[in-house]
Amino acid sequence: MNNLRKLRESKGIKTQKQLAGILGVSHQSVQKWESGERTPRPAMMQKIQDLFGVPKEEIFLQHSATLCSLKERR
């Protein structure tokens, strides 16, 4: 699970289908992103970041341990 659903709902976008319409993708794509099954391509990631006004790390990283492991790799 990631933060995409929380961000979507906080913006008043109630359904995956609504978000899909805004982004120009299928609702199945949004469902896969929200479930963590897939991540968006870079261009779509940028559209999502612009829509919600937060960096991709806040949208798609699942928990702080993941963030820590990413910092350790640098």
Protein backbone atom coordinates (compact mmCIF):
# COMPACT_ATOMS: atom_id res chain seq x y z
CA MET A 1 0.00 0.00 0.00
CA ASN A 2 1.16 3.53 -0.69
CA ASN A 3 -0.14 7.05 -0.16
CA LEU A 4 -1.79 7.54 -3.54
CA ARG A 5 -5.25 6.63 -2.28
CA LYS A 6 -4.96 8.96 0.71
CA LEU A 7 -3.79 11.81 -1.51
CA ARG A 8 -6.55 11.12 -4.04
CA GLU A 9 -9.23 11.19 -1.36
CA SER A 10 -7.77 14.28 0.33
CA LYS A 11 -8.15 16.14 -2.98
CA GLY A 12 -11.81 15.14 -3.15
CA ILE A 13 -11.22 12.62 -5.93
CA LYS A 14 -13.47 9.88 -4.64
CA THR A 15 -12.87 7.08 -7.10
CA GLN A 16 -10.04 5.51 -9.02
CA LYS A 17 -12.09 6.08 -12.16
CA GLN A 18 -12.19 9.84 -11.50
CA LEU A 19 -8.42 9.98 -11.04
CA ALA A 20 -7.96 7.90 -14.17
CA GLY A 21 -10.04 10.42 -16.13
CA ILE A 22 -7.96 13.33 -14.84
CA LEU A 23 -4.72 11.58 -15.75
CA GLY A 24 -5.93 10.06 -19.03
CA VAL A 25 -5.31 6.43 -18.04
CA SER A 26 -7.49 3.42 -17.27
CA HIS A 27 -8.93 2.88 -13.83
CA GLN A 28 -7.08 -0.45 -13.82
CA SER A 29 -3.78 1.47 -13.97
CA VAL A 30 -4.78 3.56 -10.97
CA GLN A 31 -5.84 0.41 -9.11
CA LYS A 32 -2.44 -1.20 -9.75
CA TRP A 33 -0.60 1.93 -8.61
CA GLU A 34 -2.67 2.17 -5.43
CA SER A 35 -2.18 -1.50 -4.61
CA GLY A 36 1.57 -1.28 -5.22
CA GLU A 37 1.42 -3.85 -7.99
CA ARG A 38 2.94 -1.36 -10.45
CA THR A 39 4.37 2.14 -10.51
CA PRO A 40 3.68 4.77 -13.14
CA ARG A 41 6.11 5.57 -15.93
CA PRO A 42 8.26 8.69 -15.39
CA ALA A 43 6.06 11.08 -17.43
CA MET A 44 2.94 9.91 -15.58
CA MET A 45 4.78 10.08 -12.27
CA GLN A 46 5.45 13.75 -13.00
CA LYS A 47 1.75 14.39 -13.75
CA ILE A 48 0.81 12.76 -10.46
CA GLN A 49 3.39 14.79 -8.56
CA ASP A 50 2.10 17.99 -10.17
CA LEU A 51 -1.51 17.11 -9.39
CA PHE A 52 -0.90 16.45 -5.71
CA GLY A 53 2.01 18.83 -5.16
CA VAL A 54 4.22 16.32 -3.39
CA PRO A 55 7.39 14.44 -4.38
CA LYS A 56 7.10 10.89 -5.68
CA GLU A 57 8.73 9.53 -2.53
CA GLU A 58 5.76 10.74 -0.50
CA ILE A 59 3.34 9.13 -2.92
CA PHE A 60 4.85 5.76 -3.68
CA LEU A 61 7.22 4.73 -0.91
CA GLN A 62 5.41 2.33 1.33
CA HIS A 63 7.06 3.08 4.67
CA SER A 64 10.01 4.84 6.25
CA ALA A 65 12.17 1.70 6.22
CA THR A 66 12.08 1.79 2.44
CA LEU A 67 13.18 5.42 2.48
CA CYS A 68 16.04 4.57 4.84
CA SER A 69 17.24 1.74 2.62
CA LEU A 70 17.20 4.07 -0.39
CA LYS A 71 19.31 6.65 1.47
CA GLU A 72 21.79 3.94 2.50
CA ARG A 73 22.33 2.93 -1.14
CA ARG A 74 23.46 6.44 -2.14
